[in-house]
Amino acid sequence: MKLSNNMEFELRGSFIPNISNSNRLKIIEVNDNSIVIQMNNSKRRGVFPIDSFQYWIKRNSLIQIDHEEKRTS
């Protein structure tokens, strides 16, 4: 999956790094080696290596929220 700015993900219970008990996160910045995210219940940002972030997606711990769903919620 190609990651880009402003993508949003729903967090599942198996997402271990969920310190702020959020239910969603948003990608703020993507570069060659890392990704910057912000949880919806936190003003702080987190940084993940791209490989680590992709791992959580593959485990279904992060489920991408598509644009249609965001408009109706």
N, C-alpha and C. Protein backbone atom coordinates (compact mmCIF):
# COMPACT_ATOMS: atom_id res chain seq x y z
N MET A 1 0.85 -1.18 0.00
CA MET A 1 0.00 0.00 0.00
C MET A 1 0.89 1.24 0.00
N LYS A 2 0.57 2.16 -0.88
CA LYS A 2 1.30 3.43 -0.93
C LYS A 2 0.73 4.35 0.13
N LEU A 3 1.56 4.78 1.04
CA LEU A 3 1.14 5.66 2.12
C LEU A 3 1.32 7.11 1.72
N SER A 4 0.37 7.95 2.12
CA SER A 4 0.46 9.36 1.78
C SER A 4 -0.10 10.22 2.90
N ASN A 5 0.21 11.50 2.86
CA ASN A 5 -0.28 12.44 3.86
C ASN A 5 -1.80 12.43 3.90
N ASN A 6 -2.35 12.65 5.08
CA ASN A 6 -3.79 12.75 5.33
C ASN A 6 -4.56 11.44 5.26
N MET A 7 -3.88 10.32 5.04
CA MET A 7 -4.58 9.03 5.12
C MET A 7 -4.98 8.82 6.57
N GLU A 8 -6.15 8.22 6.78
CA GLU A 8 -6.62 7.95 8.13
C GLU A 8 -6.85 6.45 8.30
N PHE A 9 -6.62 5.99 9.53
CA PHE A 9 -6.75 4.58 9.86
C PHE A 9 -7.53 4.42 11.15
N GLU A 10 -8.35 3.38 11.17
CA GLU A 10 -9.02 2.98 12.40
C GLU A 10 -8.07 2.05 13.14
N LEU A 11 -8.00 2.20 14.45
CA LEU A 11 -7.11 1.37 15.26
C LEU A 11 -7.89 0.20 15.83
N ARG A 12 -7.29 -0.97 15.77
CA ARG A 12 -7.86 -2.16 16.38
C ARG A 12 -7.14 -2.42 17.70
N GLY A 13 -7.73 -3.21 18.56
CA GLY A 13 -7.18 -3.48 19.88
C GLY A 13 -5.78 -4.06 19.87
N SER A 14 -5.40 -4.67 18.77
CA SER A 14 -4.07 -5.28 18.70
C SER A 14 -2.96 -4.31 18.33
N PHE A 15 -3.30 -3.02 18.19
CA PHE A 15 -2.28 -2.01 17.88
C PHE A 15 -1.60 -1.60 19.18
N ILE A 16 -0.51 -2.25 19.50
CA ILE A 16 0.19 -2.09 20.77
C ILE A 16 0.62 -0.65 21.06
N PRO A 17 1.11 0.13 20.06
CA PRO A 17 1.57 1.49 20.38
C PRO A 17 0.47 2.51 20.69
N ASN A 18 -0.75 2.08 20.92
CA ASN A 18 -1.86 3.00 21.17
C ASN A 18 -1.86 3.49 22.61
N ILE A 19 -0.94 4.35 22.95
CA ILE A 19 -0.78 4.85 24.32
C ILE A 19 -1.93 5.78 24.71
N SER A 20 -2.47 6.53 23.76
CA SER A 20 -3.50 7.52 24.09
C SER A 20 -4.93 6.97 24.02
N ASN A 21 -5.07 5.66 23.84
CA ASN A 21 -6.38 5.02 23.73
C ASN A 21 -7.26 5.67 22.67
N SER A 22 -6.67 5.97 21.54
CA SER A 22 -7.38 6.58 20.42
C SER A 22 -8.09 5.50 19.61
N ASN A 23 -9.02 5.93 18.78
CA ASN A 23 -9.67 4.97 17.88
C ASN A 23 -9.30 5.22 16.42
N ARG A 24 -8.61 6.33 16.15
CA ARG A 24 -8.16 6.64 14.80
C ARG A 24 -6.81 7.35 14.85
N LEU A 25 -6.10 7.26 13.71
CA LEU A 25 -4.89 8.05 13.56
C LEU A 25 -4.84 8.59 12.14
N LYS A 26 -4.05 9.63 11.96
CA LYS A 26 -3.91 10.28 10.65
C LYS A 26 -2.43 10.42 10.33
N ILE A 27 -2.07 10.15 9.09
CA ILE A 27 -0.69 10.35 8.65
C ILE A 27 -0.48 11.84 8.39
N ILE A 28 0.52 12.39 9.04
CA ILE A 28 0.85 13.80 8.89
C ILE A 28 1.93 14.00 7.83
N GLU A 29 2.91 13.09 7.81
CA GLU A 29 4.04 13.24 6.88
C GLU A 29 4.62 11.88 6.55
N VAL A 30 5.00 11.70 5.31
CA VAL A 30 5.67 10.47 4.86
C VAL A 30 6.97 10.87 4.19
N ASN A 31 8.07 10.20 4.57
CA ASN A 31 9.32 10.39 3.84
C ASN A 31 9.90 9.02 3.50
N ASP A 32 11.11 8.96 3.01
CA ASP A 32 11.68 7.69 2.55
C ASP A 32 11.80 6.63 3.64
N ASN A 33 12.06 7.03 4.86
CA ASN A 33 12.34 6.07 5.92
C ASN A 33 11.30 5.99 7.02
N SER A 34 10.50 7.04 7.17
CA SER A 34 9.60 7.07 8.32
C SER A 34 8.27 7.73 7.99
N ILE A 35 7.37 7.59 8.93
CA ILE A 35 6.03 8.15 8.80
C ILE A 35 5.68 8.87 10.10
N VAL A 36 5.11 10.05 10.01
CA VAL A 36 4.70 10.82 11.18
C VAL A 36 3.18 10.73 11.27
N ILE A 37 2.68 10.34 12.44
CA ILE A 37 1.23 10.18 12.63
C ILE A 37 0.75 11.02 13.81
N GLN A 38 -0.55 11.24 13.84
CA GLN A 38 -1.17 11.87 15.00
C GLN A 38 -2.42 11.09 15.34
N MET A 39 -2.53 10.70 16.61
CA MET A 39 -3.71 10.00 17.11
C MET A 39 -4.82 11.01 17.34
N ASN A 40 -6.07 10.58 17.19
CA ASN A 40 -7.17 11.53 17.33
C ASN A 40 -7.40 12.01 18.77
N ASN A 41 -6.93 11.31 19.78
CA ASN A 41 -7.10 11.73 21.18
C ASN A 41 -5.83 12.33 21.78
N SER A 42 -4.93 12.76 20.93
CA SER A 42 -3.65 13.26 21.44
C SER A 42 -3.19 14.43 20.59
N LYS A 43 -2.53 15.38 21.22
CA LYS A 43 -1.94 16.49 20.49
C LYS A 43 -0.51 16.20 20.08
N ARG A 44 0.02 15.09 20.57
CA ARG A 44 1.39 14.70 20.25
C ARG A 44 1.43 13.89 18.97
N ARG A 45 2.59 13.88 18.36
CA ARG A 45 2.80 13.11 17.14
C ARG A 45 3.74 11.95 17.42
N GLY A 46 3.64 10.93 16.61
CA GLY A 46 4.51 9.78 16.71
C GLY A 46 5.22 9.54 15.40
N VAL A 47 6.38 8.89 15.47
CA VAL A 47 7.16 8.58 14.27
C VAL A 47 7.39 7.07 14.25
N PHE A 48 7.11 6.47 13.09
CA PHE A 48 7.33 5.04 12.89
C PHE A 48 8.21 4.83 11.68
N PRO A 49 9.07 3.82 11.72
CA PRO A 49 9.73 3.40 10.48
C PRO A 49 8.63 2.90 9.53
N ILE A 50 8.78 3.12 8.24
CA ILE A 50 7.77 2.70 7.27
C ILE A 50 7.49 1.20 7.38
N ASP A 51 8.53 0.38 7.53
CA ASP A 51 8.35 -1.07 7.62
C ASP A 51 7.48 -1.44 8.81
N SER A 52 7.69 -0.78 9.93
CA SER A 52 6.91 -1.05 11.14
C SER A 52 5.44 -0.68 10.93
N PHE A 53 5.19 0.45 10.31
CA PHE A 53 3.82 0.89 10.06
C PHE A 53 3.11 -0.09 9.11
N GLN A 54 3.83 -0.53 8.07
CA GLN A 54 3.27 -1.51 7.14
C GLN A 54 2.95 -2.83 7.85
N TYR A 55 3.78 -3.21 8.81
CA TYR A 55 3.54 -4.42 9.61
C TYR A 55 2.19 -4.35 10.31
N TRP A 56 1.87 -3.22 10.93
CA TRP A 56 0.60 -3.07 11.64
C TRP A 56 -0.58 -3.10 10.68
N ILE A 57 -0.39 -2.61 9.47
CA ILE A 57 -1.45 -2.68 8.45
C ILE A 57 -1.68 -4.14 8.05
N LYS A 58 -0.60 -4.87 7.80
CA LYS A 58 -0.72 -6.28 7.39
C LYS A 58 -1.37 -7.13 8.47
N ARG A 59 -1.18 -6.80 9.72
CA ARG A 59 -1.79 -7.55 10.84
C ARG A 59 -3.24 -7.15 11.08
N ASN A 60 -3.76 -6.23 10.27
CA ASN A 60 -5.12 -5.70 10.42
C ASN A 60 -5.32 -4.97 11.74
N SER A 61 -4.24 -4.42 12.27
CA SER A 61 -4.32 -3.58 13.46
C SER A 61 -4.62 -2.14 13.08
N LEU A 62 -4.32 -1.78 11.83
CA LEU A 62 -4.65 -0.47 11.27
C LEU A 62 -5.47 -0.72 10.01
N ILE A 63 -6.68 -0.22 10.00
CA ILE A 63 -7.58 -0.39 8.86
C ILE A 63 -7.80 0.97 8.22
N GLN A 64 -7.45 1.09 6.95
CA GLN A 64 -7.60 2.38 6.28
C GLN A 64 -9.07 2.76 6.18
N ILE A 65 -9.34 4.03 6.48
CA ILE A 65 -10.68 4.58 6.37
C ILE A 65 -10.76 5.23 5.00
N ASP A 66 -11.66 4.75 4.16
CA ASP A 66 -11.74 5.35 2.83
C ASP A 66 -12.53 6.65 2.88
N HIS A 67 -12.40 7.43 1.83
CA HIS A 67 -12.98 8.78 1.81
C HIS A 67 -14.49 8.77 1.87
N GLU A 68 -15.15 7.77 1.29
CA GLU A 68 -16.61 7.70 1.34
C GLU A 68 -17.10 7.53 2.78
N GLU A 69 -16.43 6.65 3.52
CA GLU A 69 -16.82 6.41 4.91
C GLU A 69 -16.63 7.65 5.76
N LYS A 70 -15.55 8.42 5.52
CA LYS A 70 -15.29 9.63 6.32
C LYS A 70 -16.37 10.67 6.08
N ARG A 71 -16.89 10.79 4.86
CA ARG A 71 -17.91 11.78 4.57
C ARG A 71 -19.24 11.47 5.25
N THR A 72 -19.53 10.19 5.41
CA THR A 72 -20.83 9.81 6.00
C THR A 72 -20.78 9.71 7.52
N SER A 73 -19.59 9.71 8.13
CA SER A 73 -19.53 9.60 9.59
C SER A 73 -19.43 10.93 10.26
